[in-house]
Protein backbone atom coordinates (compact mmCIF):
# COMPACT_ATOMS: atom_id res chain seq x y z
CA MET A 1 177.07 193.76 88.32
CA LEU A 2 177.69 194.22 92.04
CA VAL A 3 181.37 193.40 91.59
CA PHE A 4 181.63 195.86 88.70
CA PHE A 5 179.82 198.53 90.70
CA GLY A 6 182.17 197.84 93.58
CA PHE A 7 185.19 198.46 91.39
CA VAL A 8 183.82 201.73 89.99
CA LEU A 9 182.76 202.96 93.42
CA GLY A 10 186.09 201.91 94.90
CA ALA A 11 188.04 203.77 92.22
CA VAL A 12 186.02 206.93 92.92
CA ILE A 13 186.53 206.52 96.67
CA GLY A 14 190.22 205.90 95.99
CA SER A 15 190.41 209.27 94.23
CA PHE A 16 189.08 210.89 97.41
CA LEU A 17 191.47 208.83 99.53
CA ASN A 18 194.35 210.37 97.60
CA VAL A 19 193.20 213.74 98.89
CA VAL A 20 192.87 212.39 102.44
CA ILE A 21 196.34 210.81 102.31
CA TYR A 22 197.90 214.06 101.06
CA ARG A 23 196.05 216.62 103.17
CA LEU A 24 195.11 215.00 106.48
CA PRO A 25 198.68 214.72 107.86
CA LYS A 26 199.14 218.42 107.08
CA GLY A 27 196.04 219.38 109.03
CA GLU A 28 194.32 220.65 105.88
CA SER A 29 190.65 220.27 105.00
CA VAL A 30 189.92 217.31 102.73
CA VAL A 31 186.97 219.10 101.06
CA HIS A 32 188.21 222.65 100.56
CA PRO A 33 189.82 224.09 98.52
CA PRO A 34 189.15 222.08 95.34
CA SER A 35 191.96 219.92 93.98
CA ARG A 36 194.77 221.73 92.17
CA CYS A 37 198.02 220.82 90.50
CA PRO A 38 200.68 221.08 93.24
CA VAL A 39 203.18 222.51 90.72
CA CYS A 40 201.31 225.13 88.70
CA GLY A 41 198.34 225.58 91.04
CA HIS A 42 195.76 225.21 88.25
CA ARG A 43 192.39 223.98 89.49
CA LEU A 44 191.68 220.50 88.19
CA GLY A 45 188.60 219.92 86.09
CA ALA A 46 186.37 216.88 85.79
CA LEU A 47 188.47 215.45 82.95
CA ASP A 48 191.57 215.61 85.15
CA MET A 49 190.04 213.56 87.95
CA VAL A 50 188.54 210.52 86.25
CA PRO A 51 189.97 207.67 88.36
CA ILE A 52 192.84 205.80 86.67
CA LEU A 53 191.84 206.87 83.16
CA SER A 54 192.91 210.51 83.49
CA TRP A 55 196.40 209.46 84.55
CA LEU A 56 196.64 207.05 81.61
CA VAL A 57 195.19 209.44 79.00
CA PHE A 58 197.47 212.31 79.99
CA ARG A 59 200.44 209.92 80.35
CA GLY A 60 201.01 210.68 83.98
CA ARG A 61 201.39 214.44 83.52
CA CYS A 62 199.45 217.58 84.34
CA ARG A 63 197.72 218.70 81.15
CA TYR A 64 198.24 222.35 82.08
CA CYS A 65 201.94 222.55 82.91
CA GLY A 66 203.22 219.09 81.94
CA ALA A 67 204.58 218.33 85.42
CA PRO A 68 204.74 214.61 86.21
CA VAL A 69 201.91 213.20 88.33
CA SER A 70 202.87 210.46 90.75
CA ALA A 71 201.83 206.92 89.89
CA ARG A 72 200.65 206.72 93.50
CA TYR A 73 197.31 208.27 92.44
CA PRO A 74 196.16 205.54 90.03
CA LEU A 75 197.70 202.92 92.34
CA VAL A 76 195.49 203.98 95.26
CA GLU A 77 192.46 204.22 92.97
CA GLY A 78 193.10 200.81 91.43
CA LEU A 79 193.82 199.19 94.79
CA THR A 80 190.66 200.59 96.34
CA GLY A 81 188.59 199.57 93.32
CA GLY A 82 190.07 196.08 93.31
CA LEU A 83 189.47 195.51 97.03
CA PHE A 84 185.93 196.91 96.80
CA ALA A 85 185.24 194.51 93.92
CA LEU A 86 186.75 191.58 95.82
CA ALA A 87 184.66 192.47 98.86
CA ALA A 88 181.51 192.48 96.72
CA TRP A 89 182.46 189.05 95.38
CA LEU A 90 183.05 187.68 98.87
CA HIS A 91 179.92 189.36 100.28
CA PRO A 92 177.49 189.28 97.32
CA ALA A 93 174.64 191.13 99.05
CA PRO A 94 174.02 194.87 98.60
CA ASP A 95 173.29 195.47 102.29
CA ALA A 96 174.63 197.41 105.25
CA GLY A 97 177.24 194.72 105.82
CA LEU A 98 178.85 195.34 102.44
CA ALA A 99 178.78 199.11 103.01
CA LEU A 100 180.57 198.58 106.33
CA VAL A 101 183.19 196.37 104.70
CA TRP A 102 183.81 199.02 102.04
CA ALA A 103 184.19 201.68 104.76
CA PHE A 104 186.60 199.43 106.67
CA THR A 105 188.63 198.87 103.50
CA ALA A 106 188.84 202.59 102.73
CA LEU A 107 190.01 203.36 106.27
CA LEU A 108 192.74 200.73 106.11
CA ILE A 109 194.02 202.02 102.76
CA ALA A 110 194.16 205.63 103.97
CA LEU A 111 195.88 204.64 107.21
CA SER A 112 198.42 202.47 105.41
CA PHE A 113 199.58 205.10 102.94
CA ILE A 114 199.69 207.87 105.55
CA ASP A 115 201.79 205.63 107.78
CA ILE A 116 204.13 204.83 104.88
CA ASP A 117 204.57 208.53 104.10
CA HIS A 118 204.69 210.07 107.57
CA TYR A 119 205.02 207.26 110.13
CA ILE A 120 201.80 208.34 111.81
CA LEU A 121 198.31 206.88 112.11
CA PRO A 122 195.89 209.83 112.52
CA ASP A 123 193.60 209.64 115.54
CA GLY A 124 190.63 210.77 113.48
CA LEU A 125 190.89 207.64 111.34
CA THR A 126 191.79 205.10 114.05
CA TYR A 127 189.25 206.28 116.62
CA GLY A 128 186.72 207.00 113.90
CA GLY A 129 187.17 203.47 112.58
CA LEU A 130 186.89 202.06 116.10
CA ALA A 131 183.64 203.96 116.67
CA LEU A 132 182.24 202.80 113.32
CA GLY A 133 183.08 199.20 114.19
CA LEU A 134 181.23 199.50 117.50
CA VAL A 135 178.23 201.13 115.77
CA GLY A 136 178.13 198.36 113.19
CA ALA A 137 178.22 195.76 115.97
CA ALA A 138 175.51 197.52 118.01
CA VAL A 139 173.10 198.29 115.16
CA TRP A 140 173.62 195.45 112.69
CA GLY A 141 175.63 192.88 114.64
CA PHE A 142 178.19 192.99 111.82
CA PRO A 143 180.96 192.03 111.37
CA VAL A 144 180.81 190.76 115.00
CA GLY A 145 178.39 191.13 117.88
CA TRP A 146 178.50 193.97 120.39
CA GLY A 147 180.19 191.98 123.15
CA ALA A 148 182.89 190.65 120.85
CA ALA A 149 183.44 194.14 119.40
CA TRP A 150 184.07 196.06 122.61
CA SER A 151 186.04 193.30 124.32
CA GLY A 152 188.02 192.74 121.14
CA ALA A 153 188.89 196.42 120.90
CA LEU A 154 190.10 196.58 124.50
CA ALA A 155 192.01 193.30 124.50
CA ALA A 156 193.66 193.97 121.12
CA ALA A 157 194.81 197.44 122.19
CA GLY A 158 195.99 196.07 125.53
CA LEU A 159 197.92 193.25 123.88
CA LEU A 160 199.79 195.53 121.50
CA ALA A 161 200.48 198.10 124.22
CA LEU A 162 202.02 195.40 126.40
CA ILE A 163 204.02 193.89 123.53
CA GLY A 164 205.41 197.36 122.92
CA GLY A 165 206.07 197.79 126.64
CA TYR A 166 208.10 194.60 126.99
CA ALA A 167 209.96 195.38 123.77
CA ASN A 168 210.76 198.90 125.00
CA LEU A 169 212.01 197.45 128.27
CA VAL A 170 214.49 195.30 126.37
CA LEU A 171 215.41 198.17 124.06
CA ARG A 172 216.13 200.48 127.01
CA ARG A 173 217.87 197.74 129.01
CA GLY A 174 215.36 197.83 131.83
CA ALA A 175 215.03 201.61 132.06
CA SER A 176 211.58 203.18 132.30
CA GLY A 177 210.27 205.51 129.66
CA ARG A 178 209.64 209.19 130.20
CA PRO A 179 206.59 209.52 132.52
CA GLY A 180 203.43 210.94 131.06
CA PHE A 181 201.37 213.66 132.70
CA PRO A 182 198.65 213.20 133.69
CA VAL A 183 198.44 209.83 131.92
CA GLY A 184 201.08 207.78 130.14
CA LEU A 185 202.14 204.28 129.24
CA GLU A 186 203.20 203.59 132.83
CA HIS A 187 199.52 203.70 133.80
CA VAL A 188 198.70 201.14 131.11
CA TYR A 189 201.26 198.79 132.63
CA LEU A 190 199.96 199.45 136.16
CA ALA A 191 196.42 198.63 135.05
CA ALA A 192 197.66 195.38 133.52
CA ALA A 193 199.55 194.43 136.69
CA VAL A 194 196.59 195.01 139.02
CA GLY A 195 194.17 193.50 136.51
CA ALA A 196 196.15 190.27 136.36
CA TRP A 197 195.83 189.84 140.12
CA ALA A 198 192.42 191.29 140.92
CA GLY A 199 190.38 191.80 137.74
CA TRP A 200 190.22 194.39 135.02
CA GLY A 201 187.96 196.78 136.94
CA TRP A 202 190.45 197.04 139.79
CA GLY A 203 193.24 197.55 137.26
CA VAL A 204 191.44 200.48 135.65
CA ALA A 205 190.60 201.89 139.08
CA ALA A 206 194.24 201.72 140.18
CA ALA A 207 195.42 203.54 137.05
CA ALA A 208 192.67 206.15 137.43
CA ALA A 209 193.66 206.72 141.07
CA VAL A 210 197.29 207.38 140.14
CA VAL A 211 196.23 209.74 137.34
CA ALA A 212 194.05 211.61 139.85
CA LEU A 213 197.04 211.86 142.22
CA ASN A 214 199.17 213.19 139.37
CA LEU A 215 196.63 215.94 138.78
CA ALA A 216 196.38 216.73 142.49
CA LEU A 217 200.17 216.89 142.93
CA ARG A 218 200.69 218.54 139.52
CA ARG A 219 203.53 216.16 138.76
CA PRO A 220 203.80 212.51 137.63
CA LEU A 221 204.30 209.89 140.32
CA PRO A 222 207.20 207.58 139.44
CA LEU A 223 206.19 204.08 138.33
CA HIS A 224 208.95 201.72 137.24
CA ASP A 225 208.03 199.91 134.03
CA ALA A 226 210.08 196.84 134.90
CA LEU A 227 208.18 196.47 138.19
CA THR A 228 204.66 196.81 136.74
CA LEU A 229 205.33 194.71 133.64
CA THR A 230 206.91 191.97 135.75
CA ALA A 231 203.97 192.08 138.16
CA ALA A 232 201.57 191.57 135.25
CA LEU A 233 203.40 188.43 134.12
CA LEU A 234 203.76 187.21 137.68
CA GLY A 235 200.01 187.51 138.24
CA ALA A 236 199.32 185.16 135.33
CA VAL A 237 201.97 182.72 136.61
CA VAL A 238 200.51 182.70 140.13
CA ALA A 239 197.01 182.21 138.69
CA SER A 240 198.24 179.16 136.77
CA TYR A 241 199.00 177.51 140.14
CA GLY A 242 195.49 178.17 141.42
CA ALA A 243 196.65 180.70 144.00
CA LEU A 244 194.27 183.43 142.78
CA PRO A 245 190.48 183.54 142.46
CA LEU A 246 191.13 183.94 138.72
CA SER A 247 192.18 181.13 136.42
CA VAL A 248 195.25 181.72 134.29
CA LEU A 249 193.10 182.49 131.24
CA GLU A 250 190.95 184.85 133.29
CA SER A 251 194.06 186.55 134.66
CA VAL A 252 195.50 187.10 131.18
CA TRP A 253 192.14 188.27 129.82
CA ASN A 254 191.69 190.74 132.68
CA LEU A 255 195.18 192.20 132.31
CA LEU A 256 194.56 192.71 128.59
CA LEU A 257 191.19 194.38 129.17
CA ALA A 258 192.57 196.67 131.88
CA ALA A 259 195.54 197.67 129.74
CA GLY A 260 193.25 198.25 126.75
CA VAL A 261 190.86 200.52 128.66
CA VAL A 262 193.67 202.76 129.90
CA ALA A 263 195.52 202.69 126.56
CA LEU A 264 192.52 203.73 124.48
CA ALA A 265 191.25 206.24 127.06
CA GLY A 266 194.72 207.74 127.44
CA GLY A 267 195.17 207.86 123.68
CA LEU A 268 191.84 209.64 123.32
CA TYR A 269 192.90 212.16 125.97
CA TRP A 270 196.10 212.97 124.10
CA ALA A 271 194.15 213.16 120.84
CA LEU A 272 192.01 215.91 122.37
CA VAL A 273 194.87 217.54 124.30
CA PRO A 274 197.90 217.20 122.01
CA GLU A 275 201.34 216.94 123.57
CA GLU A 276 203.99 219.52 122.80
CA GLU A 277 206.26 218.42 119.98
CA GLU A 278 209.63 217.13 121.14
CA ASP A 279 212.98 217.80 119.56
CA GLU A 280 214.35 214.84 117.65
CA GLU A 281 217.28 214.72 120.06
CA ASP A 282 214.88 214.27 123.01
CA GLU A 283 212.84 211.49 121.44
CA GLU A 284 213.02 208.15 123.23
CA PRO A 285 213.78 204.93 121.37
CA VAL A 286 210.58 202.94 120.99
CA ALA A 287 209.96 199.50 119.57
CA MET A 288 206.42 200.30 118.45
CA GLY A 289 204.49 203.52 117.95
CA PHE A 290 201.34 204.11 119.97
CA GLY A 291 199.40 204.64 116.75
CA ASP A 292 199.70 200.89 116.19
CA VAL A 293 197.99 200.34 119.57
CA LYS A 294 195.05 202.49 118.46
CA LEU A 295 194.90 200.69 115.12
CA ALA A 296 194.86 197.39 117.01
CA GLY A 297 191.89 198.66 119.02
CA MET A 298 190.11 199.55 115.80
CA LEU A 299 190.79 196.13 114.30
CA GLY A 300 189.66 194.39 117.49
CA ALA A 301 186.33 196.24 117.30
CA TRP A 302 185.76 194.98 113.76
CA LEU A 303 187.13 191.46 114.13
CA GLY A 304 186.82 190.36 117.75
CA PHE A 305 189.87 189.24 119.69
CA GLY A 306 190.36 185.76 118.21
CA PRO A 307 190.43 186.91 114.58
CA PHE A 308 192.59 189.86 115.65
CA LEU A 309 195.24 187.35 116.71
CA VAL A 310 195.06 185.98 113.16
CA ALA A 311 195.50 189.53 111.84
CA LEU A 312 198.49 190.07 114.10
CA GLY A 313 200.07 186.79 113.02
CA ALA A 314 199.52 187.64 109.35
CA ALA A 315 201.01 191.11 109.92
CA VAL A 316 204.14 189.69 111.53
CA PHE A 317 204.53 187.12 108.74
CA ALA A 318 204.01 189.72 106.01
CA GLY A 319 206.45 192.07 107.72
CA ALA A 320 209.11 189.38 107.87
CA VAL A 321 208.69 188.35 104.22
CA LEU A 322 208.33 191.81 102.71
CA GLY A 323 211.05 193.16 104.97
CA LEU A 324 213.46 190.70 103.42
CA LEU A 325 212.29 191.48 99.90
CA PHE A 326 212.41 195.27 100.28
CA ARG A 327 215.38 195.83 102.56
CA ARG A 328 216.09 199.28 101.16
CA ARG A 329 212.67 200.64 102.15
CA LYS A 330 211.80 200.58 105.84
CA LEU A 331 208.06 200.23 106.24
CA PRO A 332 206.18 200.89 109.49
CA PHE A 333 204.03 198.21 111.10
CA GLY A 334 200.70 199.92 110.35
CA PRO A 335 200.36 198.72 106.72
CA TYR A 336 201.13 195.15 107.78
CA LEU A 337 198.48 195.34 110.51
CA ALA A 338 196.01 196.70 107.95
CA LEU A 339 196.78 193.85 105.57
CA GLY A 340 196.38 191.30 108.34
CA GLY A 341 193.12 192.94 109.43
CA TRP A 342 191.62 192.75 105.95
CA ILE A 343 192.58 189.08 105.63
CA ALA A 344 191.22 188.27 109.09
CA LEU A 345 187.93 190.03 108.32
CA TRP A 346 187.10 187.27 105.84
CA TRP A 347 188.92 184.22 107.10
CA GLY A 348 190.04 184.94 110.64
CA ALA A 349 187.00 183.53 112.46
CA GLY A 350 187.10 180.33 110.37
CA TRP A 351 190.79 179.82 111.06
CA VAL A 352 190.24 180.32 114.79
CA ARG A 353 187.41 177.75 114.81
CA ALA A 354 189.53 175.29 112.85
CA TYR A 355 192.45 175.71 115.25
CA LEU A 356 190.25 175.26 118.31
CA ALA A 357 188.73 172.15 116.74
CA TYR A 358 192.22 170.81 116.09
CA LEU A 359 193.01 171.31 119.79
CA GLY A 360 189.74 169.62 120.73
CA LEU A 361 188.40 172.75 122.41
CA SER A 362 185.27 173.18 120.31
């Protein structure tokens, strides 16, 4: 019965997610006005919005004007219902944990389809999902404990920000990106560099000091990406030889935490103070969008850092396989991350423990 209820609830939630996917990128309210046919403008009644069944009964057409209705609508409803049902089967207890898993699933579905359509991951969903993951950890200790949630969020965001930074450095042949004012990616890399040598707190403090100087001078101070990113790697290398008070693992962990703090704080700043839109001709080539960094932070809050690595590995594998199968359709990385995150939610921790046991570390 719980599995059946999960499917019905998921299909209903999926119907609402269709509205979110369509309206949120346009900046429209997801609750007002009521749903209408986008062709004839007729307000939809209850019979028009029965999940899956309405599309089948009316043969994929509006019953008022006969315009075709995209198969995307029943697909999202069926996918949400199916994943809600599977979650109920994997977590057969009608408790707060299952409700959190359903919320996590709905967020991932909405983010995935918005990213496919518009190549964006809305801040309201990524930061909202991150906050919900931290609340779940603090109040219910689910899916992970509080310590694992906040450190996982920071380290996951820091890791993806740095992966993107090194990839951008290769893409731009060593050139730095356009500086941000008052905060930008160069401050993420600075935090990582100082964090690798002295600890994550000093890394965050260094980035904050430069941001404060930017505000005081009313212009961005130049920071060369190649210098800061190299310094971050060099710190870990020096630590591996015992020349720092940090071990190599501590050095790497601290650089990830420092980068994650600045990345998520900077992203939140730009979410509240949006940048001016750039002309397409002025856009810089990037290897990875910053929305993926925020999504990584959200996943880290729900999974913890170890299982997040499983999610990242699954995302890369899925991207490679599906990229070969669907060469004509270029998909962003967000849906792959979401897929990996959902898989890691259930099996990530077990796979990490099994791998550590194989290495003799547990």
